[in-house]
């Protein structure tokens, strides 16, 4: 077993994926230790899971910060190093028809909350940040301050669908409503879009004609609890490499994509 990595987690709800990773760390299936659990929701059940395992935890009240920013009650909440134009130019969260005022409000409120999140997280140095049901979209302001080396992303997320199909908040529901024959889950690195970052791993399950939405969710969750720890362990072993691939379509148009390559042997740090 190599050196243990330090893992931080952000949650909004019950934290079943958080529990799976805590259990894997304690069982030695992950060469890592959980160093903090943060949430935007003081009622999140995952906070109690952290307490049971003596993991430091904290809450950043996004809703209060949003209200204060919108009411201009606390202008100092907007971080001094936040550049609105830069954040807007990088994000891929909005379509071409989105109103500029809506984008600006979104970015300002999130940057204020994320600055507080970064401040609290700074007391707990970490190597990897996992999103385990964190129901807040991250902006370039936050992402760039965690991913200080673009070639070595450090924010990992699990999504309840086989991306790139069905991004967003209800992957299993969308899978069910679309009548898919196969469902699944995806672990990926975060980028500036919605569930659009480079894919690390996926697991799938068959959807039977008699399956209900609850059946699909149960099948998916059981796969999530296996897949997420596996991907975290690959990160711990330094076996994930981000590779930019050039490609040419059938019509001859050039293109590029980022791919996560899983190495047989770890990358040695220089």
C-alpha atoms as a PDB file:
ATOM      1  CA  UNK A   1       0.000   0.000   0.000  1.00  0.00           C
ATOM      2  CA  UNK A   2       1.311   3.419  -0.976  1.00  0.00           C
ATOM      3  CA  UNK A   3       1.040   6.734   0.755  1.00  0.00           C
ATOM      4  CA  UNK A   4      -2.519   7.610   1.720  1.00  0.00           C
ATOM      5  CA  UNK A   5      -4.180  10.470  -0.085  1.00  0.00           C
ATOM      6  CA  UNK A   6      -6.267  13.043   1.781  1.00  0.00           C
ATOM      7  CA  UNK A   7      -9.883  13.089   0.592  1.00  0.00           C
ATOM      8  CA  UNK A   8     -12.397  15.869   1.141  1.00  0.00           C
ATOM      9  CA  UNK A   9     -16.097  15.472   0.372  1.00  0.00           C
ATOM     10  CA  UNK A  10     -18.994  17.811  -0.383  1.00  0.00           C
ATOM     11  CA  UNK A  11     -22.552  16.582   0.136  1.00  0.00           C
ATOM     12  CA  UNK A  12     -26.107  17.876   0.207  1.00  0.00           C
ATOM     13  CA  UNK A  13     -28.082  14.830   1.319  1.00  0.00           C
ATOM     14  CA  UNK A  14     -27.886  11.410   2.917  1.00  0.00           C
ATOM     15  CA  UNK A  15     -24.372  10.612   1.801  1.00  0.00           C
ATOM     16  CA  UNK A  16     -24.615   6.950   0.789  1.00  0.00           C
ATOM     17  CA  UNK A  17     -21.737   7.346  -1.674  1.00  0.00           C
ATOM     18  CA  UNK A  18     -19.810   9.155   1.054  1.00  0.00           C
ATOM     19  CA  UNK A  19     -20.374   6.137   3.298  1.00  0.00           C
ATOM     20  CA  UNK A  20     -19.153   3.778   0.583  1.00  0.00           C
ATOM     21  CA  UNK A  21     -15.905   5.707   0.300  1.00  0.00           C
ATOM     22  CA  UNK A  22     -15.461   6.011   4.078  1.00  0.00           C
ATOM     23  CA  UNK A  23     -15.972   2.250   4.401  1.00  0.00           C
ATOM     24  CA  UNK A  24     -13.515   1.551   1.571  1.00  0.00           C
ATOM     25  CA  UNK A  25     -10.884   3.759   3.224  1.00  0.00           C
ATOM     26  CA  UNK A  26     -11.335   2.043   6.580  1.00  0.00           C
ATOM     27  CA  UNK A  27     -11.213  -1.407   4.960  1.00  0.00           C
ATOM     28  CA  UNK A  28      -7.999  -0.589   3.076  1.00  0.00           C
ATOM     29  CA  UNK A  29      -9.662  -0.786  -0.342  1.00  0.00           C
ATOM     30  CA  UNK A  30      -8.734   2.883  -0.849  1.00  0.00           C
ATOM     31  CA  UNK A  31      -5.273   4.145   0.042  1.00  0.00           C
ATOM     32  CA  UNK A  32      -6.769   7.264   1.538  1.00  0.00           C
ATOM     33  CA  UNK A  33      -8.373   8.930   4.512  1.00  0.00           C
ATOM     34  CA  UNK A  34     -11.322  11.293   4.696  1.00  0.00           C
ATOM     35  CA  UNK A  35     -10.153  14.638   6.083  1.00  0.00           C
ATOM     36  CA  UNK A  36     -13.403  16.618   5.928  1.00  0.00           C
ATOM     37  CA  UNK A  37     -17.049  16.531   4.923  1.00  0.00           C
ATOM     38  CA  UNK A  38     -18.671  19.819   3.919  1.00  0.00           C
ATOM     39  CA  UNK A  39     -22.257  20.609   3.026  1.00  0.00           C
ATOM     40  CA  UNK A  40     -24.548  23.406   1.915  1.00  0.00           C
ATOM     41  CA  UNK A  41     -27.342  21.859   4.004  1.00  0.00           C
ATOM     42  CA  UNK A  42     -27.257  21.707   7.802  1.00  0.00           C
ATOM     43  CA  UNK A  43     -29.847  18.897   7.689  1.00  0.00           C
ATOM     44  CA  UNK A  44     -27.810  16.660   5.373  1.00  0.00           C
ATOM     45  CA  UNK A  45     -27.780  13.119   6.711  1.00  0.00           C
ATOM     46  CA  UNK A  46     -24.216  12.661   5.548  1.00  0.00           C
ATOM     47  CA  UNK A  47     -23.023  15.053   8.275  1.00  0.00           C
ATOM     48  CA  UNK A  48     -24.057  12.512  10.895  1.00  0.00           C
ATOM     49  CA  UNK A  49     -22.124   9.846   9.005  1.00  0.00           C
ATOM     50  CA  UNK A  50     -19.041  12.068   9.269  1.00  0.00           C
ATOM     51  CA  UNK A  51     -19.573  12.556  13.000  1.00  0.00           C
ATOM     52  CA  UNK A  52     -19.902   8.819  13.562  1.00  0.00           C
ATOM     53  CA  UNK A  53     -16.494   8.351  11.959  1.00  0.00           C
ATOM     54  CA  UNK A  54     -14.913  11.355  13.738  1.00  0.00           C
ATOM     55  CA  UNK A  55     -14.390  13.179  10.445  1.00  0.00           C
ATOM     56  CA  UNK A  56     -14.328  17.008  10.670  1.00  0.00           C
ATOM     57  CA  UNK A  57     -17.446  18.509   9.108  1.00  0.00           C
ATOM     58  CA  UNK A  58     -18.840  21.949   8.355  1.00  0.00           C
ATOM     59  CA  UNK A  59     -21.749  23.730   6.681  1.00  0.00           C
ATOM     60  CA  UNK A  60     -21.665  26.728   4.337  1.00  0.00           C
ATOM     61  CA  UNK A  61     -25.129  28.285   4.186  1.00  0.00           C
ATOM     62  CA  UNK A  62     -25.512  28.919   0.458  1.00  0.00           C
ATOM     63  CA  UNK A  63     -29.077  30.199   0.759  1.00  0.00           C
ATOM     64  CA  UNK A  64     -28.193  32.907   3.277  1.00  0.00           C
ATOM     65  CA  UNK A  65     -25.205  34.000   1.213  1.00  0.00           C
ATOM     66  CA  UNK A  66     -27.379  34.148  -1.915  1.00  0.00           C
ATOM     67  CA  UNK A  67     -29.916  36.348  -0.113  1.00  0.00           C
ATOM     68  CA  UNK A  68     -27.248  38.688   1.217  1.00  0.00           C
ATOM     69  CA  UNK A  69     -25.646  39.088  -2.206  1.00  0.00           C
ATOM     70  CA  UNK A  70     -28.946  39.691  -4.006  1.00  0.00           C
ATOM     71  CA  UNK A  71     -30.013  42.217  -1.361  1.00  0.00           C
ATOM     72  CA  UNK A  72     -26.562  43.827  -1.468  1.00  0.00           C
ATOM     73  CA  UNK A  73     -26.514  43.427   2.319  1.00  0.00           C
ATOM     74  CA  UNK A  74     -22.891  42.271   2.389  1.00  0.00           C
ATOM     75  CA  UNK A  75     -20.929  43.493  -0.655  1.00  0.00           C
ATOM     76  CA  UNK A  76     -17.743  42.221   0.972  1.00  0.00           C
ATOM     77  CA  UNK A  77     -18.973  38.677   0.293  1.00  0.00           C
ATOM     78  CA  UNK A  78     -17.864  38.993  -3.334  1.00  0.00           C
ATOM     79  CA  UNK A  79     -14.225  37.856  -3.236  1.00  0.00           C
ATOM     80  CA  UNK A  80     -11.633  40.421  -4.278  1.00  0.00           C
ATOM     81  CA  UNK A  81     -10.012  37.960  -6.677  1.00  0.00           C
ATOM     82  CA  UNK A  82     -13.257  37.179  -8.525  1.00  0.00           C
ATOM     83  CA  UNK A  83     -13.284  38.251 -12.169  1.00  0.00           C
ATOM     84  CA  UNK A  84     -16.813  38.175 -13.552  1.00  0.00           C
ATOM     85  CA  UNK A  85     -15.820  38.498 -17.205  1.00  0.00           C
ATOM     86  CA  UNK A  86     -13.319  35.660 -16.897  1.00  0.00           C
ATOM     87  CA  UNK A  87     -15.812  33.363 -15.156  1.00  0.00           C
ATOM     88  CA  UNK A  88     -18.498  34.042 -17.766  1.00  0.00           C
ATOM     89  CA  UNK A  89     -16.082  33.439 -20.637  1.00  0.00           C
ATOM     90  CA  UNK A  90     -15.095  30.038 -19.226  1.00  0.00           C
ATOM     91  CA  UNK A  91     -18.419  28.608 -18.095  1.00  0.00           C
ATOM     92  CA  UNK A  92     -20.465  26.294 -20.310  1.00  0.00           C
ATOM     93  CA  UNK A  93     -23.484  26.190 -18.017  1.00  0.00           C
ATOM     94  CA  UNK A  94     -25.651  28.532 -20.079  1.00  0.00           C
ATOM     95  CA  UNK A  95     -27.076  28.439 -23.559  1.00  0.00           C
ATOM     96  CA  UNK A  96     -26.665  31.240 -26.109  1.00  0.00           C
ATOM     97  CA  UNK A  97     -30.075  32.692 -25.236  1.00  0.00           C
ATOM     98  CA  UNK A  98     -29.445  33.069 -21.509  1.00  0.00           C
ATOM     99  CA  UNK A  99     -30.018  36.581 -20.212  1.00  0.00           C
ATOM    100  CA  UNK A 100     -26.771  38.347 -19.195  1.00  0.00           C
ATOM    101  CA  UNK A 101     -28.380  39.559 -15.957  1.00  0.00           C
ATOM    102  CA  UNK A 102     -29.236  35.989 -14.981  1.00  0.00           C
ATOM    103  CA  UNK A 103     -25.707  34.806 -15.702  1.00  0.00           C
ATOM    104  CA  UNK A 104     -24.232  37.682 -13.702  1.00  0.00           C
ATOM    105  CA  UNK A 105     -26.467  36.992 -10.689  1.00  0.00           C
ATOM    106  CA  UNK A 106     -25.633  33.308 -10.827  1.00  0.00           C
ATOM    107  CA  UNK A 107     -21.899  33.940 -10.962  1.00  0.00           C
ATOM    108  CA  UNK A 108     -21.876  36.559  -8.203  1.00  0.00           C
ATOM    109  CA  UNK A 109     -23.930  34.508  -5.760  1.00  0.00           C
ATOM    110  CA  UNK A 110     -21.950  31.321  -6.417  1.00  0.00           C
ATOM    111  CA  UNK A 111     -18.585  33.051  -6.180  1.00  0.00           C
ATOM    112  CA  UNK A 112     -19.557  34.473  -2.787  1.00  0.00           C
ATOM    113  CA  UNK A 113     -20.610  31.047  -1.500  1.00  0.00           C
ATOM    114  CA  UNK A 114     -17.612  29.315  -3.066  1.00  0.00           C
ATOM    115  CA  UNK A 115     -15.204  31.818  -1.521  1.00  0.00           C
ATOM    116  CA  UNK A 116     -16.587  30.917   1.900  1.00  0.00           C
ATOM    117  CA  UNK A 117     -16.344  27.231   1.015  1.00  0.00           C
ATOM    118  CA  UNK A 118     -12.707  27.625  -0.017  1.00  0.00           C
ATOM    119  CA  UNK A 119     -11.963  29.539   3.188  1.00  0.00           C
ATOM    120  CA  UNK A 120     -13.358  26.776   5.404  1.00  0.00           C
ATOM    121  CA  UNK A 121     -11.766  24.021   3.328  1.00  0.00           C
ATOM    122  CA  UNK A 122      -8.340  25.668   3.667  1.00  0.00           C
ATOM    123  CA  UNK A 123      -8.140  24.376   7.229  1.00  0.00           C
ATOM    124  CA  UNK A 124      -8.186  20.812   5.866  1.00  0.00           C
ATOM    125  CA  UNK A 125      -5.539  20.259   3.162  1.00  0.00           C
ATOM    126  CA  UNK A 126      -6.645  17.624   0.654  1.00  0.00           C
ATOM    127  CA  UNK A 127      -5.435  15.815  -2.460  1.00  0.00           C
ATOM    128  CA  UNK A 128      -8.823  14.897  -3.932  1.00  0.00           C
ATOM    129  CA  UNK A 129     -12.249  16.486  -3.575  1.00  0.00           C
ATOM    130  CA  UNK A 130     -15.200  14.181  -4.164  1.00  0.00           C
ATOM    131  CA  UNK A 131     -18.735  15.360  -4.816  1.00  0.00           C
ATOM    132  CA  UNK A 132     -21.099  12.858  -3.216  1.00  0.00           C
ATOM    133  CA  UNK A 133     -24.541  14.193  -3.960  1.00  0.00           C
ATOM    134  CA  UNK A 134     -23.519  17.856  -3.740  1.00  0.00           C
ATOM    135  CA  UNK A 135     -26.415  19.653  -5.403  1.00  0.00           C
ATOM    136  CA  UNK A 136     -24.603  22.879  -6.253  1.00  0.00           C
ATOM    137  CA  UNK A 137     -23.023  23.598  -9.611  1.00  0.00           C
ATOM    138  CA  UNK A 138     -19.406  24.694  -9.300  1.00  0.00           C
ATOM    139  CA  UNK A 139     -18.189  27.736 -11.216  1.00  0.00           C
ATOM    140  CA  UNK A 140     -14.793  28.381 -12.815  1.00  0.00           C
ATOM    141  CA  UNK A 141     -13.926  30.513  -9.769  1.00  0.00           C
ATOM    142  CA  UNK A 142     -13.981  27.454  -7.495  1.00  0.00           C
ATOM    143  CA  UNK A 143     -12.706  24.925 -10.014  1.00  0.00           C
ATOM    144  CA  UNK A 144      -9.595  26.943 -10.879  1.00  0.00           C
ATOM    145  CA  UNK A 145      -8.661  27.320  -7.209  1.00  0.00           C
ATOM    146  CA  UNK A 146      -8.825  23.578  -6.614  1.00  0.00           C
ATOM    147  CA  UNK A 147      -7.448  22.445  -9.975  1.00  0.00           C
ATOM    148  CA  UNK A 148      -4.264  24.478  -9.759  1.00  0.00           C
ATOM    149  CA  UNK A 149      -2.690  22.133 -12.323  1.00  0.00           C
ATOM    150  CA  UNK A 150      -5.076  21.702 -15.295  1.00  0.00           C
ATOM    151  CA  UNK A 151      -3.299  18.475 -16.258  1.00  0.00           C
ATOM    152  CA  UNK A 152      -4.047  16.990 -12.838  1.00  0.00           C
ATOM    153  CA  UNK A 153      -7.740  17.590 -11.999  1.00  0.00           C
ATOM    154  CA  UNK A 154      -8.688  17.065  -8.362  1.00  0.00           C
ATOM    155  CA  UNK A 155     -12.496  17.266  -8.326  1.00  0.00           C
ATOM    156  CA  UNK A 156     -14.383  14.012  -8.926  1.00  0.00           C
ATOM    157  CA  UNK A 157     -18.124  13.493  -9.271  1.00  0.00           C
ATOM    158  CA  UNK A 158     -20.510  10.587  -9.660  1.00  0.00           C
ATOM    159  CA  UNK A 159     -23.559  10.940 -11.895  1.00  0.00           C
ATOM    160  CA  UNK A 160     -26.633   8.654 -12.041  1.00  0.00           C
ATOM    161  CA  UNK A 161     -26.611   8.038 -15.801  1.00  0.00           C
ATOM    162  CA  UNK A 162     -24.324   6.868 -18.565  1.00  0.00           C
ATOM    163  CA  UNK A 163     -22.889  10.211 -19.606  1.00  0.00           C
ATOM    164  CA  UNK A 164     -22.996  12.059 -21.897  1.00  0.00           C
ATOM    165  CA  UNK A 165     -26.658  10.979 -21.881  1.00  0.00           C
ATOM    166  CA  UNK A 166     -28.912  12.633 -19.316  1.00  0.00           C
ATOM    167  CA  UNK A 167     -26.790  15.222 -17.522  1.00  0.00           C
ATOM    168  CA  UNK A 168     -28.486  17.218 -14.772  1.00  0.00           C
ATOM    169  CA  UNK A 169     -30.256  16.506 -11.528  1.00  0.00           C
ATOM    170  CA  UNK A 170     -32.363  13.430 -12.376  1.00  0.00           C
ATOM    171  CA  UNK A 171     -30.297  10.975 -14.370  1.00  0.00           C
ATOM    172  CA  UNK A 172     -32.146   7.831 -13.324  1.00  0.00           C
ATOM    173  CA  UNK A 173     -35.507   9.528 -13.822  1.00  0.00           C
ATOM    174  CA  UNK A 174     -34.529  10.669 -17.299  1.00  0.00           C
ATOM    175  CA  UNK A 175     -33.250   7.176 -18.115  1.00  0.00           C
ATOM    176  CA  UNK A 176     -36.573   5.688 -17.028  1.00  0.00           C
ATOM    177  CA  UNK A 177     -38.781   8.224 -18.792  1.00  0.00           C
ATOM    178  CA  UNK A 178     -36.864   7.862 -22.048  1.00  0.00           C
ATOM    179  CA  UNK A 179     -37.521   4.118 -22.080  1.00  0.00           C
ATOM    180  CA  UNK A 180     -33.867   3.083 -22.103  1.00  0.00           C
ATOM    181  CA  UNK A 181     -32.989  -0.613 -22.125  1.00  0.00           C
ATOM    182  CA  UNK A 182     -29.743   0.001 -20.248  1.00  0.00           C
ATOM    183  CA  UNK A 183     -28.976   2.372 -17.374  1.00  0.00           C
ATOM    184  CA  UNK A 184     -25.906   3.074 -15.354  1.00  0.00           C
ATOM    185  CA  UNK A 185     -23.668   5.513 -13.542  1.00  0.00           C
ATOM    186  CA  UNK A 186     -20.568   7.511 -14.396  1.00  0.00           C
ATOM    187  CA  UNK A 187     -17.621   8.867 -12.428  1.00  0.00           C
ATOM    188  CA  UNK A 188     -15.939  11.850 -14.050  1.00  0.00           C
ATOM    189  CA  UNK A 189     -13.719  14.818 -13.367  1.00  0.00           C
ATOM    190  CA  UNK A 190     -15.422  18.195 -13.103  1.00  0.00           C
ATOM    191  CA  UNK A 191     -14.994  20.785 -15.839  1.00  0.00           C
ATOM    192  CA  UNK A 192     -16.751  24.062 -16.697  1.00  0.00           C
ATOM    193  CA  UNK A 193     -19.908  22.402 -18.049  1.00  0.00           C
ATOM    194  CA  UNK A 194     -22.766  20.430 -16.545  1.00  0.00           C
ATOM    195  CA  UNK A 195     -21.677  16.812 -16.012  1.00  0.00           C
ATOM    196  CA  UNK A 196     -19.448  17.175 -19.064  1.00  0.00           C
ATOM    197  CA  UNK A 197     -15.983  16.486 -17.648  1.00  0.00           C
ATOM    198  CA  UNK A 198     -13.654  13.662 -18.734  1.00  0.00           C
ATOM    199  CA  UNK A 199     -15.068  10.240 -17.855  1.00  0.00           C
ATOM    200  CA  UNK A 200     -13.085   8.011 -15.484  1.00  0.00           C
ATOM    201  CA  UNK A 201     -15.329   4.964 -15.191  1.00  0.00           C
ATOM    202  CA  UNK A 202     -18.834   3.659 -15.870  1.00  0.00           C
ATOM    203  CA  UNK A 203     -20.975   0.697 -14.853  1.00  0.00           C
ATOM    204  CA  UNK A 204     -24.239  -0.371 -16.488  1.00  0.00           C
ATOM    205  CA  UNK A 205     -27.277  -2.498 -15.720  1.00  0.00           C
ATOM    206  CA  UNK A 206     -30.111  -3.967 -17.751  1.00  0.00           C
ATOM    207  CA  UNK A 207     -33.526  -2.354 -17.480  1.00  0.00           C
ATOM    208  CA  UNK A 208     -36.279  -4.964 -17.597  1.00  0.00           C
ATOM    209  CA  UNK A 209     -39.774  -4.230 -18.963  1.00  0.00           C
ATOM    210  CA  UNK A 210     -41.285  -4.593 -15.491  1.00  0.00           C
ATOM    211  CA  UNK A 211     -38.746  -2.346 -13.737  1.00  0.00           C
ATOM    212  CA  UNK A 212     -40.078   0.722 -11.954  1.00  0.00           C
ATOM    213  CA  UNK A 213     -38.165   3.947 -11.394  1.00  0.00           C
ATOM    214  CA  UNK A 214     -37.411   2.757  -7.843  1.00  0.00           C
ATOM    215  CA  UNK A 215     -35.975  -0.479  -9.268  1.00  0.00           C
ATOM    216  CA  UNK A 216     -33.713   1.506 -11.572  1.00  0.00           C
ATOM    217  CA  UNK A 217     -32.502   3.713  -8.735  1.00  0.00           C
ATOM    218  CA  UNK A 218     -31.749   0.703  -6.525  1.00  0.00           C
ATOM    219  CA  UNK A 219     -29.783  -1.004  -9.308  1.00  0.00           C
ATOM    220  CA  UNK A 220     -27.871   2.189  -9.994  1.00  0.00           C
ATOM    221  CA  UNK A 221     -27.028   2.942  -6.371  1.00  0.00           C
ATOM    222  CA  UNK A 222     -25.557  -0.504  -5.801  1.00  0.00           C
ATOM    223  CA  UNK A 223     -23.268   0.067  -8.797  1.00  0.00           C
ATOM    224  CA  UNK A 224     -22.378   3.591  -7.603  1.00  0.00           C
ATOM    225  CA  UNK A 225     -21.171   2.223  -4.258  1.00  0.00           C
ATOM    226  CA  UNK A 226     -18.745  -0.038  -6.147  1.00  0.00           C
ATOM    227  CA  UNK A 227     -17.667   2.292  -8.937  1.00  0.00           C
ATOM    228  CA  UNK A 228     -16.879   5.416  -6.916  1.00  0.00           C
ATOM    229  CA  UNK A 229     -14.404   3.738  -4.519  1.00  0.00           C
ATOM    230  CA  UNK A 230     -12.746   1.999  -7.479  1.00  0.00           C
ATOM    231  CA  UNK A 231     -12.175   5.317  -9.241  1.00  0.00           C
ATOM    232  CA  UNK A 232     -10.932   7.012  -6.077  1.00  0.00           C
ATOM    233  CA  UNK A 233      -8.430   4.191  -5.622  1.00  0.00           C
ATOM    234  CA  UNK A 234      -7.170   4.669  -9.190  1.00  0.00           C
ATOM    235  CA  UNK A 235      -6.556   8.317  -8.281  1.00  0.00           C
ATOM    236  CA  UNK A 236      -4.794   7.241  -5.082  1.00  0.00           C
ATOM    237  CA  UNK A 237      -2.556   4.932  -7.114  1.00  0.00           C
ATOM    238  CA  UNK A 238      -1.763   7.814  -9.503  1.00  0.00           C
ATOM    239  CA  UNK A 239      -3.029   5.776 -12.439  1.00  0.00           C
ATOM    240  CA  UNK A 240      -5.296   8.398 -14.010  1.00  0.00           C
ATOM    241  CA  UNK A 241      -3.783  10.479 -16.791  1.00  0.00           C
ATOM    242  CA  UNK A 242      -5.603  13.229 -18.679  1.00  0.00           C
ATOM    243  CA  UNK A 243      -4.833  12.945 -22.406  1.00  0.00           C
ATOM    244  CA  UNK A 244      -5.844  15.308 -25.201  1.00  0.00           C
ATOM    245  CA  UNK A 245      -6.693  13.319 -28.311  1.00  0.00           C
ATOM    246  CA  UNK A 246      -7.014  14.651 -31.837  1.00  0.00           C
ATOM    247  CA  UNK A 247      -9.642  13.086 -34.023  1.00  0.00           C
ATOM    248  CA  UNK A 248     -11.044  13.471 -37.515  1.00  0.00           C
ATOM    249  CA  UNK A 249     -14.696  12.830 -38.286  1.00  0.00           C
ATOM    250  CA  UNK A 250     -15.965  10.927 -41.316  1.00  0.00           C
ATOM    251  CA  UNK A 251     -16.443  14.194 -43.183  1.00  0.00           C
ATOM    252  CA  UNK A 252     -12.843  15.192 -42.517  1.00  0.00           C
ATOM    253  CA  UNK A 253     -13.558  17.818 -39.850  1.00  0.00           C
ATOM    254  CA  UNK A 254     -10.823  17.957 -37.194  1.00  0.00           C
ATOM    255  CA  UNK A 255     -11.635  17.836 -33.490  1.00  0.00           C
ATOM    256  CA  UNK A 256     -10.145  17.234 -30.071  1.00  0.00           C
ATOM    257  CA  UNK A 257     -11.309  15.695 -26.833  1.00  0.00           C
ATOM    258  CA  UNK A 258      -9.986  15.108 -23.335  1.00  0.00           C
ATOM    259  CA  UNK A 259      -9.808  11.458 -22.278  1.00  0.00           C
ATOM    260  CA  UNK A 260      -8.881   9.901 -18.943  1.00  0.00           C
ATOM    261  CA  UNK A 261      -6.424   7.104 -19.600  1.00  0.00           C
ATOM    262  CA  UNK A 262      -6.166   4.414 -16.924  1.00  0.00           C
ATOM    263  CA  UNK A 263      -2.531   3.402 -16.647  1.00  0.00           C
ATOM    264  CA  UNK A 264      -1.295  -0.063 -15.785  1.00  0.00           C
ATOM    265  CA  UNK A 265       1.424   1.398 -13.600  1.00  0.00           C
ATOM    266  CA  UNK A 266       1.400   4.627 -11.610  1.00  0.00           C
ATOM    267  CA  UNK A 267       2.782   7.867 -12.989  1.00  0.00           C
ATOM    268  CA  UNK A 268       5.955   8.718 -11.085  1.00  0.00           C
ATOM    269  CA  UNK A 269       6.000  12.233  -9.706  1.00  0.00           C
ATOM    270  CA  UNK A 270       8.866  14.351 -11.026  1.00  0.00           C
END
